[in-house]
Amino acid sequence: MDRLVRQEVRMAARSPFPRVFWIANLIEVLERFAYYGIYFSFGIYLTSLGFSRDQLGVVQTLFLLLSYCLPLFSGTLADRFGFKTMLIAAYLAYLPAILLLILT
């Protein structure tokens, strides 16, 4: 326990931000890598399926539109039905999508 306290004191002396701040930022950076990795890989995947550049542009535009507008609606639903309920619903919708992605 004493070791943890000393480590926290050293960390506080080096940085004005708490450890949780750095962990949250690391998670956000990893999430952005995953998002853009999927976004660019999705374009390559659709091209390999025979999509033209015009079709690819439409699909990726719809993807971006949904990914930026959907949080407005999902936030409203989370306020109405509760965060945990909506998180469970999101994961239940996410699971079949991932399974379909694995199978194709």
PDB file of N, CA and C in Angstrom:
ATOM      1  N   MET A   1       0.828  -1.194   0.000  1.00  0.00           N
ATOM      2  CA  MET A   1       0.000   0.000   0.000  1.00  0.00           C
ATOM      3  C   MET A   1       0.865   1.248   0.000  1.00  0.00           C
ATOM      4  N   ASP A   2       1.932   1.219   0.823  1.00  0.00           N
ATOM      5  CA  ASP A   2       2.829   2.363   0.907  1.00  0.00           C
ATOM      6  C   ASP A   2       3.476   2.641  -0.448  1.00  0.00           C
ATOM      7  N   ARG A   3       3.778   1.582  -1.170  1.00  0.00           N
ATOM      8  CA  ARG A   3       4.392   1.720  -2.497  1.00  0.00           C
ATOM      9  C   ARG A   3       3.443   2.439  -3.463  1.00  0.00           C
ATOM     10  N   LEU A   4       2.159   2.100  -3.407  1.00  0.00           N
ATOM     11  CA  LEU A   4       1.173   2.747  -4.269  1.00  0.00           C
ATOM     12  C   LEU A   4       1.040   4.232  -3.956  1.00  0.00           C
ATOM     13  N   VAL A   5       1.077   4.558  -2.685  1.00  0.00           N
ATOM     14  CA  VAL A   5       0.982   5.964  -2.283  1.00  0.00           C
ATOM     15  C   VAL A   5       2.187   6.739  -2.802  1.00  0.00           C
ATOM     16  N   ARG A   6       3.398   6.158  -2.654  1.00  0.00           N
ATOM     17  CA  ARG A   6       4.598   6.828  -3.163  1.00  0.00           C
ATOM     18  C   ARG A   6       4.539   6.990  -4.677  1.00  0.00           C
ATOM     19  N   GLN A   7       4.022   5.973  -5.368  1.00  0.00           N
ATOM     20  CA  GLN A   7       3.924   6.045  -6.826  1.00  0.00           C
ATOM     21  C   GLN A   7       2.951   7.155  -7.238  1.00  0.00           C
ATOM     22  N   GLU A   8       1.838   7.280  -6.544  1.00  0.00           N
ATOM     23  CA  GLU A   8       0.871   8.334  -6.837  1.00  0.00           C
ATOM     24  C   GLU A   8       1.469   9.715  -6.569  1.00  0.00           C
ATOM     25  N   VAL A   9       2.261   9.833  -5.509  1.00  0.00           N
ATOM     26  CA  VAL A   9       2.896  11.111  -5.193  1.00  0.00           C
ATOM     27  C   VAL A   9       3.892  11.481  -6.285  1.00  0.00           C
ATOM     28  N   ARG A  10       4.689  10.506  -6.739  1.00  0.00           N
ATOM     29  CA  ARG A  10       5.632  10.776  -7.832  1.00  0.00           C
ATOM     30  C   ARG A  10       4.895  11.165  -9.103  1.00  0.00           C
ATOM     31  N   MET A  11       3.810  10.475  -9.401  1.00  0.00           N
ATOM     32  CA  MET A  11       3.027  10.777 -10.594  1.00  0.00           C
ATOM     33  C   MET A  11       2.450  12.182 -10.501  1.00  0.00           C
ATOM     34  N   ALA A  12       1.954  12.550  -9.328  1.00  0.00           N
ATOM     35  CA  ALA A  12       1.390  13.878  -9.135  1.00  0.00           C
ATOM     36  C   ALA A  12       2.463  14.948  -9.274  1.00  0.00           C
ATOM     37  N   ALA A  13       3.673  14.641  -8.870  1.00  0.00           N
ATOM     38  CA  ALA A  13       4.759  15.610  -8.982  1.00  0.00           C
ATOM     39  C   ALA A  13       5.172  15.816 -10.434  1.00  0.00           C
ATOM     40  N   ARG A  14       5.070  14.787 -11.259  1.00  0.00           N
ATOM     41  CA  ARG A  14       5.477  14.893 -12.660  1.00  0.00           C
ATOM     42  C   ARG A  14       4.411  15.520 -13.539  1.00  0.00           C
ATOM     43  N   SER A  15       3.167  15.309 -13.235  1.00  0.00           N
ATOM     44  CA  SER A  15       2.088  15.731 -14.116  1.00  0.00           C
ATOM     45  C   SER A  15       0.983  16.412 -13.317  1.00  0.00           C
ATOM     46  N   PRO A  16       0.448  17.500 -13.861  1.00  0.00           N
ATOM     47  CA  PRO A  16      -0.670  18.145 -13.166  1.00  0.00           C
ATOM     48  C   PRO A  16      -1.990  17.387 -13.348  1.00  0.00           C
ATOM     49  N   PHE A  17      -1.996  16.380 -14.228  1.00  0.00           N
ATOM     50  CA  PHE A  17      -3.213  15.618 -14.499  1.00  0.00           C
ATOM     51  C   PHE A  17      -3.187  14.285 -13.755  1.00  0.00           C
ATOM     52  N   PRO A  18      -4.338  13.827 -13.291  1.00  0.00           N
ATOM     53  CA  PRO A  18      -4.377  12.534 -12.596  1.00  0.00           C
ATOM     54  C   PRO A  18      -4.193  11.371 -13.568  1.00  0.00           C
ATOM     55  N   ARG A  19      -3.905  10.222 -13.017  1.00  0.00           N
ATOM     56  CA  ARG A  19      -3.664   9.019 -13.817  1.00  0.00           C
ATOM     57  C   ARG A  19      -4.883   8.671 -14.682  1.00  0.00           C
ATOM     58  N   VAL A  20      -6.075   8.877 -14.153  1.00  0.00           N
ATOM     59  CA  VAL A  20      -7.303   8.573 -14.896  1.00  0.00           C
ATOM     60  C   VAL A  20      -7.363   9.385 -16.187  1.00  0.00           C
ATOM     61  N   PHE A  21      -6.884  10.613 -16.148  1.00  0.00           N
ATOM     62  CA  PHE A  21      -6.855  11.465 -17.339  1.00  0.00           C
ATOM     63  C   PHE A  21      -6.036  10.808 -18.442  1.00  0.00           C
ATOM     64  N   TRP A  22      -4.869  10.299 -18.101  1.00  0.00           N
ATOM     65  CA  TRP A  22      -3.998   9.681 -19.107  1.00  0.00           C
ATOM     66  C   TRP A  22      -4.585   8.374 -19.626  1.00  0.00           C
ATOM     67  N   ILE A  23      -5.215   7.615 -18.761  1.00  0.00           N
ATOM     68  CA  ILE A  23      -5.851   6.366 -19.188  1.00  0.00           C
ATOM     69  C   ILE A  23      -7.010   6.665 -20.136  1.00  0.00           C
ATOM     70  N   ALA A  24      -7.819   7.668 -19.804  1.00  0.00           N
ATOM     71  CA  ALA A  24      -8.941   8.044 -20.671  1.00  0.00           C
ATOM     72  C   ALA A  24      -8.442   8.526 -22.027  1.00  0.00           C
ATOM     73  N   ASN A  25      -7.357   9.287 -22.038  1.00  0.00           N
ATOM     74  CA  ASN A  25      -6.803   9.756 -23.310  1.00  0.00           C
ATOM     75  C   ASN A  25      -6.241   8.608 -24.135  1.00  0.00           C
ATOM     76  N   LEU A  26      -5.597   7.657 -23.493  1.00  0.00           N
ATOM     77  CA  LEU A  26      -5.085   6.491 -24.209  1.00  0.00           C
ATOM     78  C   LEU A  26      -6.230   5.691 -24.832  1.00  0.00           C
ATOM     79  N   ILE A  27      -7.299   5.504 -24.081  1.00  0.00           N
ATOM     80  CA  ILE A  27      -8.460   4.783 -24.609  1.00  0.00           C
ATOM     81  C   ILE A  27      -9.051   5.528 -25.799  1.00  0.00           C
ATOM     82  N   GLU A  28      -9.122   6.840 -25.725  1.00  0.00           N
ATOM     83  CA  GLU A  28      -9.659   7.632 -26.838  1.00  0.00           C
ATOM     84  C   GLU A  28      -8.779   7.525 -28.077  1.00  0.00           C
ATOM     85  N   VAL A  29      -7.470   7.553 -27.905  1.00  0.00           N
ATOM     86  CA  VAL A  29      -6.554   7.402 -29.044  1.00  0.00           C
ATOM     87  C   VAL A  29      -6.732   6.029 -29.684  1.00  0.00           C
ATOM     88  N   LEU A  30      -6.830   4.993 -28.871  1.00  0.00           N
ATOM     89  CA  LEU A  30      -7.039   3.645 -29.405  1.00  0.00           C
ATOM     90  C   LEU A  30      -8.384   3.540 -30.125  1.00  0.00           C
ATOM     91  N   GLU A  31      -9.406   4.192 -29.596  1.00  0.00           N
ATOM     92  CA  GLU A  31     -10.720   4.179 -30.246  1.00  0.00           C
ATOM     93  C   GLU A  31     -10.653   4.870 -31.597  1.00  0.00           C
ATOM     94  N   ARG A  32      -9.926   5.975 -31.689  1.00  0.00           N
ATOM     95  CA  ARG A  32      -9.787   6.690 -32.969  1.00  0.00           C
ATOM     96  C   ARG A  32      -9.018   5.846 -33.981  1.00  0.00           C
ATOM     97  N   PHE A  33      -7.977   5.135 -33.530  1.00  0.00           N
ATOM     98  CA  PHE A  33      -7.255   4.227 -34.433  1.00  0.00           C
ATOM     99  C   PHE A  33      -8.206   3.165 -34.974  1.00  0.00           C
ATOM    100  N   ALA A  34      -9.037   2.613 -34.104  1.00  0.00           N
ATOM    101  CA  ALA A  34      -9.992   1.588 -34.535  1.00  0.00           C
ATOM    102  C   ALA A  34     -11.007   2.168 -35.514  1.00  0.00           C
ATOM    103  N   TYR A  35     -11.518   3.358 -35.220  1.00  0.00           N
ATOM    104  CA  TYR A  35     -12.525   3.989 -36.083  1.00  0.00           C
ATOM    105  C   TYR A  35     -11.969   4.232 -37.480  1.00  0.00           C
ATOM    106  N   TYR A  36     -10.829   4.894 -37.561  1.00  0.00           N
ATOM    107  CA  TYR A  36     -10.281   5.202 -38.883  1.00  0.00           C
ATOM    108  C   TYR A  36      -9.733   3.959 -39.571  1.00  0.00           C
ATOM    109  N   GLY A  37      -9.269   2.995 -38.798  1.00  0.00           N
ATOM    110  CA  GLY A  37      -8.853   1.734 -39.399  1.00  0.00           C
ATOM    111  C   GLY A  37     -10.016   1.030 -40.068  1.00  0.00           C
ATOM    112  N   ILE A  38     -11.164   1.026 -39.402  1.00  0.00           N
ATOM    113  CA  ILE A  38     -12.360   0.424 -39.990  1.00  0.00           C
ATOM    114  C   ILE A  38     -12.831   1.244 -41.183  1.00  0.00           C
ATOM    115  N   TYR A  39     -12.798   2.561 -41.058  1.00  0.00           N
ATOM    116  CA  TYR A  39     -13.286   3.432 -42.135  1.00  0.00           C
ATOM    117  C   TYR A  39     -12.497   3.204 -43.426  1.00  0.00           C
ATOM    118  N   PHE A  40     -11.177   3.197 -43.332  1.00  0.00           N
ATOM    119  CA  PHE A  40     -10.364   3.019 -44.539  1.00  0.00           C
ATOM    120  C   PHE A  40     -10.390   1.573 -45.029  1.00  0.00           C
ATOM    121  N   SER A  41     -10.383   0.625 -44.113  1.00  0.00           N
ATOM    122  CA  SER A  41     -10.455  -0.784 -44.512  1.00  0.00           C
ATOM    123  C   SER A  41     -11.790  -1.103 -45.171  1.00  0.00           C
ATOM    124  N   PHE A  42     -12.841  -0.451 -44.722  1.00  0.00           N
ATOM    125  CA  PHE A  42     -14.164  -0.645 -45.298  1.00  0.00           C
ATOM    126  C   PHE A  42     -14.173  -0.235 -46.768  1.00  0.00           C
ATOM    127  N   GLY A  43     -13.497   0.869 -47.084  1.00  0.00           N
ATOM    128  CA  GLY A  43     -13.398   1.304 -48.477  1.00  0.00           C
ATOM    129  C   GLY A  43     -12.651   0.300 -49.337  1.00  0.00           C
ATOM    130  N   ILE A  44     -11.576  -0.227 -48.813  1.00  0.00           N
ATOM    131  CA  ILE A  44     -10.799  -1.238 -49.549  1.00  0.00           C
ATOM    132  C   ILE A  44     -11.636  -2.500 -49.731  1.00  0.00           C
ATOM    133  N   TYR A  45     -12.353  -2.885 -48.694  1.00  0.00           N
ATOM    134  CA  TYR A  45     -13.203  -4.077 -48.765  1.00  0.00           C
ATOM    135  C   TYR A  45     -14.294  -3.905 -49.823  1.00  0.00           C
ATOM    136  N   LEU A  46     -14.961  -2.747 -49.831  1.00  0.00           N
ATOM    137  CA  LEU A  46     -16.021  -2.519 -50.815  1.00  0.00           C
ATOM    138  C   LEU A  46     -15.469  -2.471 -52.230  1.00  0.00           C
ATOM    139  N   THR A  47     -14.270  -1.935 -52.397  1.00  0.00           N
ATOM    140  CA  THR A  47     -13.634  -1.920 -53.717  1.00  0.00           C
ATOM    141  C   THR A  47     -13.361  -3.346 -54.183  1.00  0.00           C
ATOM    142  N   SER A  48     -12.931  -4.202 -53.273  1.00  0.00           N
ATOM    143  CA  SER A  48     -12.673  -5.598 -53.647  1.00  0.00           C
ATOM    144  C   SER A  48     -13.964  -6.341 -54.000  1.00  0.00           C
ATOM    145  N   LEU A  49     -15.101  -5.853 -53.502  1.00  0.00           N
ATOM    146  CA  LEU A  49     -16.390  -6.452 -53.851  1.00  0.00           C
ATOM    147  C   LEU A  49     -16.916  -5.952 -55.194  1.00  0.00           C
ATOM    148  N   GLY A  50     -16.211  -4.985 -55.796  1.00  0.00           N
ATOM    149  CA  GLY A  50     -16.611  -4.493 -57.106  1.00  0.00           C
ATOM    150  C   GLY A  50     -17.371  -3.181 -57.094  1.00  0.00           C
ATOM    151  N   PHE A  51     -17.397  -2.493 -55.965  1.00  0.00           N
ATOM    152  CA  PHE A  51     -18.065  -1.192 -55.923  1.00  0.00           C
ATOM    153  C   PHE A  51     -17.270  -0.186 -56.750  1.00  0.00           C
ATOM    154  N   SER A  52     -17.981   0.672 -57.482  1.00  0.00           N
ATOM    155  CA  SER A  52     -17.307   1.735 -58.233  1.00  0.00           C
ATOM    156  C   SER A  52     -16.927   2.851 -57.262  1.00  0.00           C
ATOM    157  N   ARG A  53     -16.139   3.797 -57.739  1.00  0.00           N
ATOM    158  CA  ARG A  53     -15.748   4.919 -56.865  1.00  0.00           C
ATOM    159  C   ARG A  53     -16.958   5.749 -56.458  1.00  0.00           C
ATOM    160  N   ASP A  54     -17.906   5.908 -57.382  1.00  0.00           N
ATOM    161  CA  ASP A  54     -19.119   6.661 -57.046  1.00  0.00           C
ATOM    162  C   ASP A  54     -19.928   5.954 -55.960  1.00  0.00           C
ATOM    163  N   GLN A  55     -20.105   4.648 -56.113  1.00  0.00           N
ATOM    164  CA  GLN A  55     -20.840   3.878 -55.107  1.00  0.00           C
ATOM    165  C   GLN A  55     -20.114   3.899 -53.765  1.00  0.00           C
ATOM    166  N   LEU A  56     -18.806   3.776 -53.817  1.00  0.00           N
ATOM    167  CA  LEU A  56     -18.003   3.820 -52.596  1.00  0.00           C
ATOM    168  C   LEU A  56     -18.157   5.168 -51.900  1.00  0.00           C
ATOM    169  N   GLY A  57     -18.162   6.243 -52.673  1.00  0.00           N
ATOM    170  CA  GLY A  57     -18.347   7.575 -52.103  1.00  0.00           C
ATOM    171  C   GLY A  57     -19.691   7.729 -51.420  1.00  0.00           C
ATOM    172  N   VAL A  58     -20.737   7.193 -52.039  1.00  0.00           N
ATOM    173  CA  VAL A  58     -22.074   7.274 -51.445  1.00  0.00           C
ATOM    174  C   VAL A  58     -22.126   6.478 -50.142  1.00  0.00           C
ATOM    175  N   VAL A  59     -21.599   5.262 -50.160  1.00  0.00           N
ATOM    176  CA  VAL A  59     -21.637   4.411 -48.964  1.00  0.00           C
ATOM    177  C   VAL A  59     -20.827   5.038 -47.830  1.00  0.00           C
ATOM    178  N   GLN A  60     -19.637   5.545 -48.137  1.00  0.00           N
ATOM    179  CA  GLN A  60     -18.814   6.132 -47.075  1.00  0.00           C
ATOM    180  C   GLN A  60     -19.404   7.449 -46.572  1.00  0.00           C
ATOM    181  N   THR A  61     -20.063   8.189 -47.441  1.00  0.00           N
ATOM    182  CA  THR A  61     -20.734   9.408 -46.995  1.00  0.00           C
ATOM    183  C   THR A  61     -21.877   9.069 -46.046  1.00  0.00           C
ATOM    184  N   LEU A  62     -22.652   8.043 -46.381  1.00  0.00           N
ATOM    185  CA  LEU A  62     -23.728   7.606 -45.487  1.00  0.00           C
ATOM    186  C   LEU A  62     -23.172   7.115 -44.151  1.00  0.00           C
ATOM    187  N   PHE A  63     -22.051   6.404 -44.200  1.00  0.00           N
ATOM    188  CA  PHE A  63     -21.400   5.931 -42.976  1.00  0.00           C
ATOM    189  C   PHE A  63     -21.009   7.117 -42.087  1.00  0.00           C
ATOM    190  N   LEU A  64     -20.380   8.130 -42.679  1.00  0.00           N
ATOM    191  CA  LEU A  64     -19.978   9.301 -41.898  1.00  0.00           C
ATOM    192  C   LEU A  64     -21.190  10.063 -41.379  1.00  0.00           C
ATOM    193  N   LEU A  65     -22.203  10.209 -42.216  1.00  0.00           N
ATOM    194  CA  LEU A  65     -23.415  10.911 -41.805  1.00  0.00           C
ATOM    195  C   LEU A  65     -24.060  10.223 -40.600  1.00  0.00           C
ATOM    196  N   LEU A  66     -24.168   8.909 -40.681  1.00  0.00           N
ATOM    197  CA  LEU A  66     -24.745   8.163 -39.558  1.00  0.00           C
ATOM    198  C   LEU A  66     -23.875   8.243 -38.309  1.00  0.00           C
ATOM    199  N   SER A  67     -22.564   8.141 -38.482  1.00  0.00           N
ATOM    200  CA  SER A  67     -21.697   8.137 -37.305  1.00  0.00           C
ATOM    201  C   SER A  67     -21.645   9.495 -36.613  1.00  0.00           C
ATOM    202  N   TYR A  68     -21.963  10.575 -37.336  1.00  0.00           N
ATOM    203  CA  TYR A  68     -21.988  11.890 -36.694  1.00  0.00           C
ATOM    204  C   TYR A  68     -23.378  12.290 -36.210  1.00  0.00           C
ATOM    205  N   CYS A  69     -24.434  11.792 -36.853  1.00  0.00           N
ATOM    206  CA  CYS A  69     -25.794  12.180 -36.468  1.00  0.00           C
ATOM    207  C   CYS A  69     -26.448  11.222 -35.476  1.00  0.00           C
ATOM    208  N   LEU A  70     -26.079   9.967 -35.516  1.00  0.00           N
ATOM    209  CA  LEU A  70     -26.704   8.974 -34.644  1.00  0.00           C
ATOM    210  C   LEU A  70     -26.528   9.266 -33.153  1.00  0.00           C
ATOM    211  N   PRO A  71     -25.391   9.830 -32.709  1.00  0.00           N
ATOM    212  CA  PRO A  71     -25.280  10.141 -31.271  1.00  0.00           C
ATOM    213  C   PRO A  71     -26.343  11.117 -30.762  1.00  0.00           C
ATOM    214  N   LEU A  72     -26.863  11.982 -31.625  1.00  0.00           N
ATOM    215  CA  LEU A  72     -27.932  12.888 -31.193  1.00  0.00           C
ATOM    216  C   LEU A  72     -29.178  12.100 -30.796  1.00  0.00           C
ATOM    217  N   PHE A  73     -29.529  11.118 -31.603  1.00  0.00           N
ATOM    218  CA  PHE A  73     -30.712  10.316 -31.317  1.00  0.00           C
ATOM    219  C   PHE A  73     -30.460   9.309 -30.200  1.00  0.00           C
ATOM    220  N   SER A  74     -29.298   8.697 -30.215  1.00  0.00           N
ATOM    221  CA  SER A  74     -29.008   7.704 -29.177  1.00  0.00           C
ATOM    222  C   SER A  74     -28.865   8.362 -27.803  1.00  0.00           C
ATOM    223  N   GLY A  75     -28.382   9.580 -27.764  1.00  0.00           N
ATOM    224  CA  GLY A  75     -28.310  10.308 -26.496  1.00  0.00           C
ATOM    225  C   GLY A  75     -29.693  10.594 -25.932  1.00  0.00           C
ATOM    226  N   THR A  76     -30.612  10.943 -26.824  1.00  0.00           N
ATOM    227  CA  THR A  76     -31.996  11.171 -26.406  1.00  0.00           C
ATOM    228  C   THR A  76     -32.616   9.886 -25.863  1.00  0.00           C
ATOM    229  N   LEU A  77     -32.364   8.777 -26.557  1.00  0.00           N
ATOM    230  CA  LEU A  77     -32.881   7.489 -26.082  1.00  0.00           C
ATOM    231  C   LEU A  77     -32.263   7.097 -24.741  1.00  0.00           C
ATOM    232  N   ALA A  78     -30.976   7.384 -24.571  1.00  0.00           N
ATOM    233  CA  ALA A  78     -30.317   7.071 -23.299  1.00  0.00           C
ATOM    234  C   ALA A  78     -30.896   7.910 -22.163  1.00  0.00           C
ATOM    235  N   ASP A  79     -31.243   9.155 -22.451  1.00  0.00           N
ATOM    236  CA  ASP A  79     -31.873   9.990 -21.429  1.00  0.00           C
ATOM    237  C   ASP A  79     -33.252   9.458 -21.054  1.00  0.00           C
ATOM    238  N   ARG A  80     -33.960   8.931 -22.032  1.00  0.00           N
ATOM    239  CA  ARG A  80     -35.317   8.452 -21.788  1.00  0.00           C
ATOM    240  C   ARG A  80     -35.341   7.076 -21.115  1.00  0.00           C
ATOM    241  N   PHE A  81     -34.536   6.139 -21.622  1.00  0.00           N
ATOM    242  CA  PHE A  81     -34.610   4.758 -21.147  1.00  0.00           C
ATOM    243  C   PHE A  81     -33.486   4.369 -20.189  1.00  0.00           C
ATOM    244  N   GLY A  82     -32.494   5.204 -20.052  1.00  0.00           N
ATOM    245  CA  GLY A  82     -31.384   4.904 -19.155  1.00  0.00           C
ATOM    246  C   GLY A  82     -30.151   4.448 -19.917  1.00  0.00           C
ATOM    247  N   PHE A  83     -29.011   4.817 -19.374  1.00  0.00           N
ATOM    248  CA  PHE A  83     -27.730   4.533 -20.026  1.00  0.00           C
ATOM    249  C   PHE A  83     -27.474   3.038 -20.150  1.00  0.00           C
ATOM    250  N   LYS A  84     -27.690   2.306 -19.067  1.00  0.00           N
ATOM    251  CA  LYS A  84     -27.393   0.870 -19.076  1.00  0.00           C
ATOM    252  C   LYS A  84     -28.288   0.116 -20.050  1.00  0.00           C
ATOM    253  N   THR A  85     -29.555   0.467 -20.101  1.00  0.00           N
ATOM    254  CA  THR A  85     -30.480  -0.191 -21.026  1.00  0.00           C
ATOM    255  C   THR A  85     -30.045   0.026 -22.466  1.00  0.00           C
ATOM    256  N   MET A  86     -29.670   1.249 -22.796  1.00  0.00           N
ATOM    257  CA  MET A  86     -29.258   1.550 -24.169  1.00  0.00           C
ATOM    258  C   MET A  86     -27.906   0.924 -24.492  1.00  0.00           C
ATOM    259  N   LEU A  87     -27.036   0.820 -23.510  1.00  0.00           N
ATOM    260  CA  LEU A  87     -25.746   0.170 -23.734  1.00  0.00           C
ATOM    261  C   LEU A  87     -25.942  -1.315 -24.035  1.00  0.00           C
ATOM    262  N   ILE A  88     -26.823  -1.947 -23.303  1.00  0.00           N
ATOM    263  CA  ILE A  88     -27.129  -3.360 -23.564  1.00  0.00           C
ATOM    264  C   ILE A  88     -27.757  -3.519 -24.945  1.00  0.00           C
ATOM    265  N   ALA A  89     -28.680  -2.635 -25.305  1.00  0.00           N
ATOM    266  CA  ALA A  89     -29.306  -2.694 -26.631  1.00  0.00           C
ATOM    267  C   ALA A  89     -28.270  -2.490 -27.732  1.00  0.00           C
ATOM    268  N   ALA A  90     -27.336  -1.582 -27.511  1.00  0.00           N
ATOM    269  CA  ALA A  90     -26.293  -1.334 -28.515  1.00  0.00           C
ATOM    270  C   ALA A  90     -25.405  -2.558 -28.691  1.00  0.00           C
ATOM    271  N   TYR A  91     -25.040  -3.193 -27.597  1.00  0.00           N
ATOM    272  CA  TYR A  91     -24.212  -4.395 -27.707  1.00  0.00           C
ATOM    273  C   TYR A  91     -24.973  -5.553 -28.342  1.00  0.00           C
ATOM    274  N   LEU A  92     -26.262  -5.651 -28.072  1.00  0.00           N
ATOM    275  CA  LEU A  92     -27.066  -6.701 -28.702  1.00  0.00           C
ATOM    276  C   LEU A  92     -27.205  -6.469 -30.206  1.00  0.00           C
ATOM    277  N   ALA A  93     -27.198  -5.221 -30.638  1.00  0.00           N
ATOM    278  CA  ALA A  93     -27.222  -4.921 -32.073  1.00  0.00           C
ATOM    279  C   ALA A  93     -25.832  -5.095 -32.683  1.00  0.00           C
ATOM    280  N   TYR A  94     -24.813  -4.846 -31.896  1.00  0.00           N
ATOM    281  CA  TYR A  94     -23.428  -4.920 -32.369  1.00  0.00           C
ATOM    282  C   TYR A  94     -22.968  -6.361 -32.576  1.00  0.00           C
ATOM    283  N   LEU A  95     -23.413  -7.253 -31.710  1.00  0.00           N
ATOM    284  CA  LEU A  95     -22.982  -8.646 -31.767  1.00  0.00           C
ATOM    285  C   LEU A  95     -23.314  -9.319 -33.102  1.00  0.00           C
ATOM    286  N   PRO A  96     -24.555  -9.254 -33.601  1.00  0.00           N
ATOM    287  CA  PRO A  96     -24.823  -9.877 -34.907  1.00  0.00           C
ATOM    288  C   PRO A  96     -24.030  -9.234 -36.041  1.00  0.00           C
ATOM    289  N   ALA A  97     -23.805  -7.933 -35.951  1.00  0.00           N
ATOM    290  CA  ALA A  97     -23.027  -7.259 -36.993  1.00  0.00           C
ATOM    291  C   ALA A  97     -21.599  -7.786 -37.027  1.00  0.00           C
ATOM    292  N   ILE A  98     -21.000  -7.973 -35.872  1.00  0.00           N
ATOM    293  CA  ILE A  98     -19.640  -8.508 -35.814  1.00  0.00           C
ATOM    294  C   ILE A  98     -19.613  -9.952 -36.299  1.00  0.00           C
ATOM    295  N   LEU A  99     -20.614 -10.727 -35.919  1.00  0.00           N
ATOM    296  CA  LEU A  99     -20.674 -12.117 -36.377  1.00  0.00           C
ATOM    297  C   LEU A  99     -20.808 -12.190 -37.898  1.00  0.00           C
ATOM    298  N   LEU A 100     -21.629 -11.324 -38.475  1.00  0.00           N
ATOM    299  CA  LEU A 100     -21.753 -11.286 -39.936  1.00  0.00           C
ATOM    300  C   LEU A 100     -20.440 -10.869 -40.588  1.00  0.00           C
ATOM    301  N   LEU A 101     -19.744  -9.941 -39.965  1.00  0.00           N
ATOM    302  CA  LEU A 101     -18.455  -9.496 -40.501  1.00  0.00           C
ATOM    303  C   LEU A 101     -17.442 -10.632 -40.478  1.00  0.00           C
ATOM    304  N   ILE A 102     -17.448 -11.413 -39.427  1.00  0.00           N
ATOM    305  CA  ILE A 102     -16.526 -12.548 -39.323  1.00  0.00           C
ATOM    306  C   ILE A 102     -16.848 -13.607 -40.373  1.00  0.00           C
ATOM    307  N   LEU A 103     -18.127 -13.830 -40.625  1.00  0.00           N
ATOM    308  CA  LEU A 103     -18.540 -14.882 -41.549  1.00  0.00           C
ATOM    309  C   LEU A 103     -18.359 -14.519 -43.021  1.00  0.00           C
ATOM    310  N   THR A 104     -18.190 -13.243 -43.330  1.00  0.00           N
ATOM    311  CA  THR A 104     -18.033 -12.858 -44.748  1.00  0.00           C
ATOM    312  C   THR A 104     -16.592 -12.709 -45.134  1.00  0.00           C
TER     313      THR A 104
END
